[in-house]
PDB file of all heavy atoms in Angstrom:
ATOM      1  N   VAL A   1     -54.955  92.853-194.072  1.00  0.00           N
ATOM      2  CA  VAL A   1     -56.265  92.495-193.528  1.00  0.00           C
ATOM      3  C   VAL A   1     -56.119  91.362-192.516  1.00  0.00           C
ATOM      4  O   VAL A   1     -55.536  90.325-192.822  1.00  0.00           O
ATOM      5  CB  VAL A   1     -57.239  92.059-194.646  1.00  0.00           C
ATOM      6  CG1 VAL A   1     -58.598  91.692-194.054  1.00  0.00           C
ATOM      7  CG2 VAL A   1     -57.394  93.155-195.686  1.00  0.00           C
ATOM      8  N   ALA A   2     -56.626  91.576-191.309  1.00  0.00           N
ATOM      9  CA  ALA A   2     -56.561  90.539-190.278  1.00  0.00           C
ATOM     10  C   ALA A   2     -57.380  89.328-190.709  1.00  0.00           C
ATOM     11  O   ALA A   2     -58.519  89.459-191.155  1.00  0.00           O
ATOM     12  CB  ALA A   2     -57.098  91.077-188.954  1.00  0.00           C
ATOM     13  N   GLY A   3     -56.799  88.170-190.600  1.00  0.00           N
ATOM     14  CA  GLY A   3     -57.490  86.955-191.011  1.00  0.00           C
ATOM     15  C   GLY A   3     -57.429  86.726-192.498  1.00  0.00           C
ATOM     16  O   GLY A   3     -58.011  85.783-193.017  1.00  0.00           O
ATOM     17  N   GLY A   4     -56.720  87.592-193.210  1.00  0.00           N
ATOM     18  CA  GLY A   4     -56.611  87.453-194.657  1.00  0.00           C
ATOM     19  C   GLY A   4     -55.429  86.579-195.034  1.00  0.00           C
ATOM     20  O   GLY A   4     -54.990  85.727-194.272  1.00  0.00           O
ATOM     21  N   GLY A   5     -54.898  86.810-196.203  1.00  0.00           N
ATOM     22  CA  GLY A   5     -53.764  86.026-196.676  1.00  0.00           C
ATOM     23  C   GLY A   5     -54.201  84.681-197.224  1.00  0.00           C
ATOM     24  O   GLY A   5     -55.389  84.392-197.380  1.00  0.00           O
ATOM     25  N   GLU A   6     -53.242  83.833-197.515  1.00  0.00           N
ATOM     26  CA  GLU A   6     -53.533  82.530-198.095  1.00  0.00           C
ATOM     27  C   GLU A   6     -54.299  81.669-197.089  1.00  0.00           C
ATOM     28  O   GLU A   6     -53.844  81.422-195.978  1.00  0.00           O
ATOM     29  CB  GLU A   6     -52.231  81.849-198.492  1.00  0.00           C
ATOM     30  CG  GLU A   6     -51.470  82.608-199.585  1.00  0.00           C
ATOM     31  CD  GLU A   6     -50.170  81.926-199.939  1.00  0.00           C
ATOM     32  OE1 GLU A   6     -49.984  80.783-199.496  1.00  0.00           O
ATOM     33  OE2 GLU A   6     -49.359  82.534-200.642  1.00  0.00           O
ATOM     34  N   GLY A   7     -55.481  81.227-197.480  1.00  0.00           N
ATOM     35  CA  GLY A   7     -56.290  80.375-196.627  1.00  0.00           C
ATOM     36  C   GLY A   7     -57.130  81.140-195.621  1.00  0.00           C
ATOM     37  O   GLY A   7     -57.930  80.559-194.898  1.00  0.00           O
ATOM     38  N   GLY A   8     -56.960  82.477-195.550  1.00  0.00           N
ATOM     39  CA  GLY A   8     -57.727  83.276-194.606  1.00  0.00           C
ATOM     40  C   GLY A   8     -59.072  83.686-195.163  1.00  0.00           C
ATOM     41  O   GLY A   8     -59.373  83.481-196.337  1.00  0.00           O
ATOM     42  N   THR A   9     -59.886  84.276-194.303  1.00  0.00           N
ATOM     43  CA  THR A   9     -61.217  84.697-194.744  1.00  0.00           C
ATOM     44  C   THR A   9     -61.180  86.035-195.452  1.00  0.00           C
ATOM     45  O   THR A   9     -62.042  86.332-196.261  1.00  0.00           O
ATOM     46  CB  THR A   9     -62.164  84.826-193.538  1.00  0.00           C
ATOM     47  OG1 THR A   9     -61.673  85.856-192.663  1.00  0.00           O
ATOM     48  CG2 THR A   9     -62.225  83.516-192.775  1.00  0.00           C
ATOM     49  N   GLY A  10     -60.182  86.862-195.137  1.00  0.00           N
ATOM     50  CA  GLY A  10     -60.076  88.156-195.782  1.00  0.00           C
ATOM     51  C   GLY A  10     -61.155  89.130-195.365  1.00  0.00           C
ATOM     52  O   GLY A  10     -61.429  90.079-196.073  1.00  0.00           O
ATOM     53  N   LYS A  11     -61.793  88.915-194.220  1.00  0.00           N
ATOM     54  CA  LYS A  11     -62.922  89.766-193.823  1.00  0.00           C
ATOM     55  C   LYS A  11     -62.664  90.516-192.515  1.00  0.00           C
ATOM     56  O   LYS A  11     -63.566  91.116-191.961  1.00  0.00           O
ATOM     57  CB  LYS A  11     -64.185  88.908-193.675  1.00  0.00           C
ATOM     58  CG  LYS A  11     -64.653  88.284-194.982  1.00  0.00           C
ATOM     59  CD  LYS A  11     -65.909  87.448-194.764  1.00  0.00           C
ATOM     60  CE  LYS A  11     -66.386  86.819-196.067  1.00  0.00           C
ATOM     61  NZ  LYS A  11     -67.591  85.984-195.867  1.00  0.00           N
ATOM     62  N   GLY A  12     -61.415  90.456-192.002  1.00  0.00           N
ATOM     63  CA  GLY A  12     -61.147  91.055-190.712  1.00  0.00           C
ATOM     64  C   GLY A  12     -60.843  92.535-190.767  1.00  0.00           C
ATOM     65  O   GLY A  12     -60.953  93.188-191.811  1.00  0.00           O
ATOM     66  N   ASP A  13     -60.461  93.064-189.614  1.00  0.00           N
ATOM     67  CA  ASP A  13     -60.058  94.458-189.528  1.00  0.00           C
ATOM     68  C   ASP A  13     -58.768  94.670-190.306  1.00  0.00           C
ATOM     69  O   ASP A  13     -58.051  93.728-190.633  1.00  0.00           O
ATOM     70  CB  ASP A  13     -59.835  94.855-188.067  1.00  0.00           C
ATOM     71  CG  ASP A  13     -61.118  94.827-187.246  1.00  0.00           C
ATOM     72  OD1 ASP A  13     -62.205  94.886-187.862  1.00  0.00           O
ATOM     73  OD2 ASP A  13     -61.028  94.740-186.011  1.00  0.00           O
ATOM     74  N   TYR A  14     -58.469  95.942-190.557  1.00  0.00           N
ATOM     75  CA  TYR A  14     -57.211  96.259-191.212  1.00  0.00           C
ATOM     76  C   TYR A  14     -56.055  96.096-190.222  1.00  0.00           C
ATOM     77  O   TYR A  14     -56.231  96.160-189.010  1.00  0.00           O
ATOM     78  CB  TYR A  14     -57.234  97.686-191.763  1.00  0.00           C
ATOM     79  CG  TYR A  14     -58.130  97.846-192.976  1.00  0.00           C
ATOM     80  CD1 TYR A  14     -58.741  99.068-193.256  1.00  0.00           C
ATOM     81  CD2 TYR A  14     -58.352  96.790-193.848  1.00  0.00           C
ATOM     82  CE1 TYR A  14     -59.553  99.230-194.372  1.00  0.00           C
ATOM     83  CE2 TYR A  14     -59.164  96.932-194.959  1.00  0.00           C
ATOM     84  CZ  TYR A  14     -59.758  98.156-195.218  1.00  0.00           C
ATOM     85  OH  TYR A  14     -60.557  98.300-196.318  1.00  0.00           O
ATOM     86  N   VAL A  15     -54.869  95.892-190.755  1.00  0.00           N
ATOM     87  CA  VAL A  15     -53.670  95.686-189.947  1.00  0.00           C
ATOM     88  C   VAL A  15     -52.670  96.787-190.270  1.00  0.00           C
ATOM     89  O   VAL A  15     -52.312  96.988-191.423  1.00  0.00           O
ATOM     90  CB  VAL A  15     -53.028  94.307-190.223  1.00  0.00           C
ATOM     91  CG1 VAL A  15     -51.778  94.121-189.373  1.00  0.00           C
ATOM     92  CG2 VAL A  15     -54.030  93.190-189.960  1.00  0.00           C
ATOM     93  N   GLU A  16     -52.209  97.490-189.223  1.00  0.00           N
ATOM     94  CA  GLU A  16     -51.233  98.551-189.422  1.00  0.00           C
ATOM     95  C   GLU A  16     -49.845  97.958-189.599  1.00  0.00           C
ATOM     96  O   GLU A  16     -49.379  97.187-188.770  1.00  0.00           O
ATOM     97  CB  GLU A  16     -51.259  99.506-188.224  1.00  0.00           C
ATOM     98  CG  GLU A  16     -52.602 100.224-188.099  1.00  0.00           C
ATOM     99  CD  GLU A  16     -52.886 100.681-186.679  1.00  0.00           C
ATOM    100  OE1 GLU A  16     -52.100 100.363-185.779  1.00  0.00           O
ATOM    101  OE2 GLU A  16     -53.916 101.350-186.483  1.00  0.00           O
ATOM    102  N   ASN A  17     -49.197  98.331-190.699  1.00  0.00           N
ATOM    103  CA  ASN A  17     -47.862  97.817-191.019  1.00  0.00           C
ATOM    104  C   ASN A  17     -47.862  96.297-191.158  1.00  0.00           C
ATOM    105  O   ASN A  17     -46.858  95.640-190.880  1.00  0.00           O
ATOM    106  CB  ASN A  17     -46.837  98.249-189.963  1.00  0.00           C
ATOM    107  CG  ASN A  17     -46.589  99.746-189.986  1.00  0.00           C
ATOM    108  OD1 ASN A  17     -47.000 100.427-190.925  1.00  0.00           O
ATOM    109  ND2 ASN A  17     -45.946 100.257-188.961  1.00  0.00           N
ATOM    110  N   GLY A  18     -48.983  95.735-191.567  1.00  0.00           N
ATOM    111  CA  GLY A  18     -49.060  94.285-191.751  1.00  0.00           C
ATOM    112  C   GLY A  18     -48.511  93.844-193.093  1.00  0.00           C
ATOM    113  O   GLY A  18     -47.951  92.760-193.218  1.00  0.00           O
ATOM    114  N   GLY A  19     -48.681  94.691-194.097  1.00  0.00           N
ATOM    115  CA  GLY A  19     -48.144  94.379-195.409  1.00  0.00           C
ATOM    116  C   GLY A  19     -46.707  94.846-195.520  1.00  0.00           C
ATOM    117  O   GLY A  19     -46.232  95.639-194.715  1.00  0.00           O
ATOM    118  N   SER A  20     -45.998  94.337-196.494  1.00  0.00           N
ATOM    119  CA  SER A  20     -44.612  94.771-196.667  1.00  0.00           C
ATOM    120  C   SER A  20     -44.213  94.781-198.136  1.00  0.00           C
ATOM    121  O   SER A  20     -44.705  93.990-198.940  1.00  0.00           O
ATOM    122  CB  SER A  20     -43.652  93.865-195.882  1.00  0.00           C
ATOM    123  OG  SER A  20     -43.660  92.550-196.414  1.00  0.00           O
ATOM    124  N   ILE A  21     -43.344  95.718-198.460  1.00  0.00           N
ATOM    125  CA  ILE A  21     -42.728  95.803-199.778  1.00  0.00           C
ATOM    126  C   ILE A  21     -41.245  96.039-199.546  1.00  0.00           C
ATOM    127  O   ILE A  21     -40.823  96.355-198.438  1.00  0.00           O
ATOM    128  CB  ILE A  21     -43.321  96.946-200.629  1.00  0.00           C
ATOM    129  CG1 ILE A  21     -43.254  98.276-199.854  1.00  0.00           C
ATOM    130  CG2 ILE A  21     -44.755  96.634-201.045  1.00  0.00           C
ATOM    131  CD1 ILE A  21     -43.775  99.478-200.633  1.00  0.00           C
ATOM    132  N   TYR A  22     -40.432  95.856-200.569  1.00  0.00           N
ATOM    133  CA  TYR A  22     -39.013  96.153-200.427  1.00  0.00           C
ATOM    134  C   TYR A  22     -38.521  96.887-201.669  1.00  0.00           C
ATOM    135  O   TYR A  22     -39.108  96.768-202.746  1.00  0.00           O
ATOM    136  CB  TYR A  22     -38.197  94.888-200.179  1.00  0.00           C
ATOM    137  CG  TYR A  22     -38.143  93.910-201.332  1.00  0.00           C
ATOM    138  CD1 TYR A  22     -37.110  93.962-202.284  1.00  0.00           C
ATOM    139  CD2 TYR A  22     -39.114  92.925-201.475  1.00  0.00           C
ATOM    140  CE1 TYR A  22     -37.063  93.062-203.337  1.00  0.00           C
ATOM    141  CE2 TYR A  22     -39.069  92.020-202.523  1.00  0.00           C
ATOM    142  CZ  TYR A  22     -38.041  92.097-203.446  1.00  0.00           C
ATOM    143  OH  TYR A  22     -37.996  91.209-204.501  1.00  0.00           O
ATOM    144  N   PHE A  23     -37.465  97.668-201.483  1.00  0.00           N
ATOM    145  CA  PHE A  23     -36.958  98.467-202.594  1.00  0.00           C
ATOM    146  C   PHE A  23     -35.929  97.675-203.375  1.00  0.00           C
ATOM    147  O   PHE A  23     -35.041  97.044-202.808  1.00  0.00           O
ATOM    148  CB  PHE A  23     -36.333  99.764-202.070  1.00  0.00           C
ATOM    149  CG  PHE A  23     -36.150 100.797-203.147  1.00  0.00           C
ATOM    150  CD1 PHE A  23     -37.249 101.471-203.667  1.00  0.00           C
ATOM    151  CD2 PHE A  23     -34.894 101.092-203.650  1.00  0.00           C
ATOM    152  CE1 PHE A  23     -37.096 102.427-204.660  1.00  0.00           C
ATOM    153  CE2 PHE A  23     -34.741 102.035-204.648  1.00  0.00           C
ATOM    154  CZ  PHE A  23     -35.837 102.716-205.154  1.00  0.00           C
ATOM    155  N   ASP A  24     -36.067  97.709-204.703  1.00  0.00           N
ATOM    156  CA  ASP A  24     -35.165  96.923-205.550  1.00  0.00           C
ATOM    157  C   ASP A  24     -35.142  97.482-206.972  1.00  0.00           C
ATOM    158  O   ASP A  24     -36.177  97.548-207.644  1.00  0.00           O
ATOM    159  CB  ASP A  24     -35.618  95.458-205.577  1.00  0.00           C
ATOM    160  CG  ASP A  24     -34.814  94.613-206.547  1.00  0.00           C
ATOM    161  OD1 ASP A  24     -33.587  94.528-206.385  1.00  0.00           O
ATOM    162  OD2 ASP A  24     -35.420  94.053-207.484  1.00  0.00           O
ATOM    163  N   ASN A  25     -33.971  97.910-207.427  1.00  0.00           N
ATOM    164  CA  ASN A  25     -33.787  98.307-208.822  1.00  0.00           C
ATOM    165  C   ASN A  25     -34.782  99.379-209.266  1.00  0.00           C
ATOM    166  O   ASN A  25     -35.485  99.244-210.258  1.00  0.00           O
ATOM    167  CB  ASN A  25     -33.895  97.075-209.731  1.00  0.00           C
ATOM    168  CG  ASN A  25     -33.365  97.345-211.137  1.00  0.00           C
ATOM    169  OD1 ASN A  25     -32.505  98.218-211.318  1.00  0.00           O
ATOM    170  ND2 ASN A  25     -33.875  96.625-212.106  1.00  0.00           N
ATOM    171  N   ASN A  26     -34.841 100.463-208.504  1.00  0.00           N
ATOM    172  CA  ASN A  26     -35.652 101.633-208.846  1.00  0.00           C
ATOM    173  C   ASN A  26     -37.168 101.382-208.825  1.00  0.00           C
ATOM    174  O   ASN A  26     -37.921 102.048-209.540  1.00  0.00           O
ATOM    175  CB  ASN A  26     -35.246 102.210-210.207  1.00  0.00           C
ATOM    176  CG  ASN A  26     -33.824 102.720-210.198  1.00  0.00           C
ATOM    177  OD1 ASN A  26     -33.390 103.332-209.227  1.00  0.00           O
ATOM    178  ND2 ASN A  26     -33.086 102.453-211.260  1.00  0.00           N
ATOM    179  N   CYS A  27     -37.586 100.413-208.047  1.00  0.00           N
ATOM    180  CA  CYS A  27     -39.023 100.192-207.851  1.00  0.00           C
ATOM    181  C   CYS A  27     -39.203  99.462-206.527  1.00  0.00           C
ATOM    182  O   CYS A  27     -38.247  98.964-205.936  1.00  0.00           O
ATOM    183  CB  CYS A  27     -39.636  99.374-208.997  1.00  0.00           C
ATOM    184  SG  CYS A  27     -39.139  97.631-209.003  1.00  0.00           S
ATOM    185  N   PHE A  28     -40.435  99.429-206.063  1.00  0.00           N
ATOM    186  CA  PHE A  28     -40.757  98.591-204.907  1.00  0.00           C
ATOM    187  C   PHE A  28     -41.252  97.246-205.419  1.00  0.00           C
ATOM    188  O   PHE A  28     -41.845  97.169-206.502  1.00  0.00           O
ATOM    189  CB  PHE A  28     -41.840  99.244-204.053  1.00  0.00           C
ATOM    190  CG  PHE A  28     -41.346 100.365-203.184  1.00  0.00           C
ATOM    191  CD1 PHE A  28     -41.689 101.678-203.462  1.00  0.00           C
ATOM    192  CD2 PHE A  28     -40.542 100.107-202.084  1.00  0.00           C
ATOM    193  CE1 PHE A  28     -41.233 102.712-202.666  1.00  0.00           C
ATOM    194  CE2 PHE A  28     -40.081 101.137-201.274  1.00  0.00           C
ATOM    195  CZ  PHE A  28     -40.426 102.440-201.568  1.00  0.00           C
ATOM    196  N   ARG A  29     -41.030  96.208-204.636  1.00  0.00           N
ATOM    197  CA  ARG A  29     -41.504  94.879-205.014  1.00  0.00           C
ATOM    198  C   ARG A  29     -42.289  94.242-203.872  1.00  0.00           C
ATOM    199  O   ARG A  29     -42.012  94.493-202.697  1.00  0.00           O
ATOM    200  CB  ARG A  29     -40.344  93.967-205.424  1.00  0.00           C
ATOM    201  CG  ARG A  29     -39.656  94.406-206.703  1.00  0.00           C
ATOM    202  CD  ARG A  29     -38.682  93.357-207.212  1.00  0.00           C
ATOM    203  NE  ARG A  29     -37.922  93.842-208.341  1.00  0.00           N
ATOM    204  CZ  ARG A  29     -38.330  93.778-209.607  1.00  0.00           C
ATOM    205  NH1 ARG A  29     -39.514  93.231-209.887  1.00  0.00           N
ATOM    206  NH2 ARG A  29     -37.585  94.244-210.577  1.00  0.00           N
ATOM    207  N   THR A  30     -43.254  93.423-204.251  1.00  0.00           N
ATOM    208  CA  THR A  30     -44.015  92.637-203.293  1.00  0.00           C
ATOM    209  C   THR A  30     -43.963  91.186-203.715  1.00  0.00           C
ATOM    210  O   THR A  30     -43.984  90.876-204.913  1.00  0.00           O
ATOM    211  CB  THR A  30     -45.480  93.101-203.213  1.00  0.00           C
ATOM    212  OG1 THR A  30     -46.200  92.230-202.337  1.00  0.00           O
ATOM    213  CG2 THR A  30     -46.152  93.100-204.584  1.00  0.00           C
ATOM    214  N   THR A  31     -43.852  90.300-202.749  1.00  0.00           N
ATOM    215  CA  THR A  31     -43.747  88.872-203.061  1.00  0.00           C
ATOM    216  C   THR A  31     -45.026  88.111-202.749  1.00  0.00           C
ATOM    217  O   THR A  31     -45.107  86.912-202.987  1.00  0.00           O
ATOM    218  CB  THR A  31     -42.597  88.229-202.271  1.00  0.00           C
ATOM    219  OG1 THR A  31     -42.854  88.396-200.867  1.00  0.00           O
ATOM    220  CG2 THR A  31     -41.266  88.887-202.616  1.00  0.00           C
ATOM    221  N   LYS A  32     -46.049  88.824-202.216  1.00  0.00           N
ATOM    222  CA  LYS A  32     -47.215  88.114-201.706  1.00  0.00           C
ATOM    223  C   LYS A  32     -48.517  88.385-202.454  1.00  0.00           C
ATOM    224  O   LYS A  32     -49.526  87.749-202.178  1.00  0.00           O
ATOM    225  CB  LYS A  32     -47.406  88.458-200.229  1.00  0.00           C
ATOM    226  CG  LYS A  32     -46.243  88.029-199.353  1.00  0.00           C
ATOM    227  CD  LYS A  32     -46.495  88.359-197.895  1.00  0.00           C
ATOM    228  CE  LYS A  32     -45.341  87.919-197.015  1.00  0.00           C
ATOM    229  NZ  LYS A  32     -45.579  88.250-195.585  1.00  0.00           N
ATOM    230  N   GLY A  33     -48.542  89.331-203.363  1.00  0.00           N
ATOM    231  CA  GLY A  33     -49.757  89.570-204.132  1.00  0.00           C
ATOM    232  C   GLY A  33     -50.814  90.344-203.364  1.00  0.00           C
ATOM    233  O   GLY A  33     -50.538  91.027-202.382  1.00  0.00           O
ATOM    234  N   PHE A  34     -52.079  90.194-203.806  1.00  0.00           N
ATOM    235  CA  PHE A  34     -53.193  90.948-203.229  1.00  0.00           C
ATOM    236  C   PHE A  34     -53.949  90.127-202.173  1.00  0.00           C
ATOM    237  O   PHE A  34     -53.944  88.902-202.200  1.00  0.00           O
ATOM    238  CB  PHE A  34     -54.197  91.351-204.322  1.00  0.00           C
ATOM    239  CG  PHE A  34     -53.637  92.282-205.360  1.00  0.00           C
ATOM    240  CD1 PHE A  34     -53.577  91.897-206.684  1.00  0.00           C
ATOM    241  CD2 PHE A  34     -53.197  93.558-205.016  1.00  0.00           C
ATOM    242  CE1 PHE A  34     -53.080  92.757-207.656  1.00  0.00           C
ATOM    243  CE2 PHE A  34     -52.703  94.428-205.969  1.00  0.00           C
ATOM    244  CZ  PHE A  34     -52.640  94.024-207.296  1.00  0.00           C
ATOM    245  N   GLU A  35     -54.612  90.857-201.275  1.00  0.00           N
ATOM    246  CA  GLU A  35     -55.561  90.227-200.355  1.00  0.00           C
ATOM    247  C   GLU A  35     -56.804  89.837-201.160  1.00  0.00           C
ATOM    248  O   GLU A  35     -57.293  90.617-201.980  1.00  0.00           O
ATOM    249  CB  GLU A  35     -55.974  91.192-199.253  1.00  0.00           C
ATOM    250  CG  GLU A  35     -54.929  91.409-198.176  1.00  0.00           C
ATOM    251  CD  GLU A  35     -54.858  90.263-197.182  1.00  0.00           C
ATOM    252  OE1 GLU A  35     -55.490  89.222-197.425  1.00  0.00           O
ATOM    253  OE2 GLU A  35     -54.156  90.426-196.167  1.00  0.00           O
ATOM    254  N   THR A  36     -57.307  88.631-200.924  1.00  0.00           N
ATOM    255  CA  THR A  36     -58.499  88.180-201.638  1.00  0.00           C
ATOM    256  C   THR A  36     -59.500  87.540-200.687  1.00  0.00           C
ATOM    257  O   THR A  36     -59.147  87.089-199.600  1.00  0.00           O
ATOM    258  CB  THR A  36     -58.142  87.157-202.742  1.00  0.00           C
ATOM    259  OG1 THR A  36     -57.519  86.011-202.144  1.00  0.00           O
ATOM    260  CG2 THR A  36     -57.212  87.769-203.772  1.00  0.00           C
ATOM    261  N   ASP A  37     -60.726  87.493-201.118  1.00  0.00           N
ATOM    262  CA  ASP A  37     -61.789  86.791-200.400  1.00  0.00           C
ATOM    263  C   ASP A  37     -62.631  86.078-201.440  1.00  0.00           C
ATOM    264  O   ASP A  37     -63.209  86.717-202.320  1.00  0.00           O
ATOM    265  CB  ASP A  37     -62.636  87.773-199.593  1.00  0.00           C
ATOM    266  CG  ASP A  37     -63.747  87.062-198.819  1.00  0.00           C
ATOM    267  OD1 ASP A  37     -63.599  85.855-198.562  1.00  0.00           O
ATOM    268  OD2 ASP A  37     -64.753  87.710-198.490  1.00  0.00           O
ATOM    269  N   SER A  38     -62.653  84.753-201.380  1.00  0.00           N
ATOM    270  CA  SER A  38     -63.364  83.930-202.370  1.00  0.00           C
ATOM    271  C   SER A  38     -62.904  84.249-203.784  1.00  0.00           C
ATOM    272  O   SER A  38     -63.696  84.302-204.725  1.00  0.00           O
ATOM    273  CB  SER A  38     -64.877  84.158-202.259  1.00  0.00           C
ATOM    274  OG  SER A  38     -65.347  83.833-200.967  1.00  0.00           O
ATOM    275  N   GLY A  39     -61.610  84.479-203.918  1.00  0.00           N
ATOM    276  CA  GLY A  39     -61.032  84.710-205.232  1.00  0.00           C
ATOM    277  C   GLY A  39     -61.121  86.145-205.728  1.00  0.00           C
ATOM    278  O   GLY A  39     -60.587  86.456-206.789  1.00  0.00           O
TER     279      GLY A  39
END
């Protein structure tokens, strides 16, 4: 989400290929959690 992330408003347009995951030990992993707005 554009403008999202830590400290962002989380109300922007969607972002193509903005998020990322990586492959590790037979699963995908993410280090950044979910997009949030006001918690």
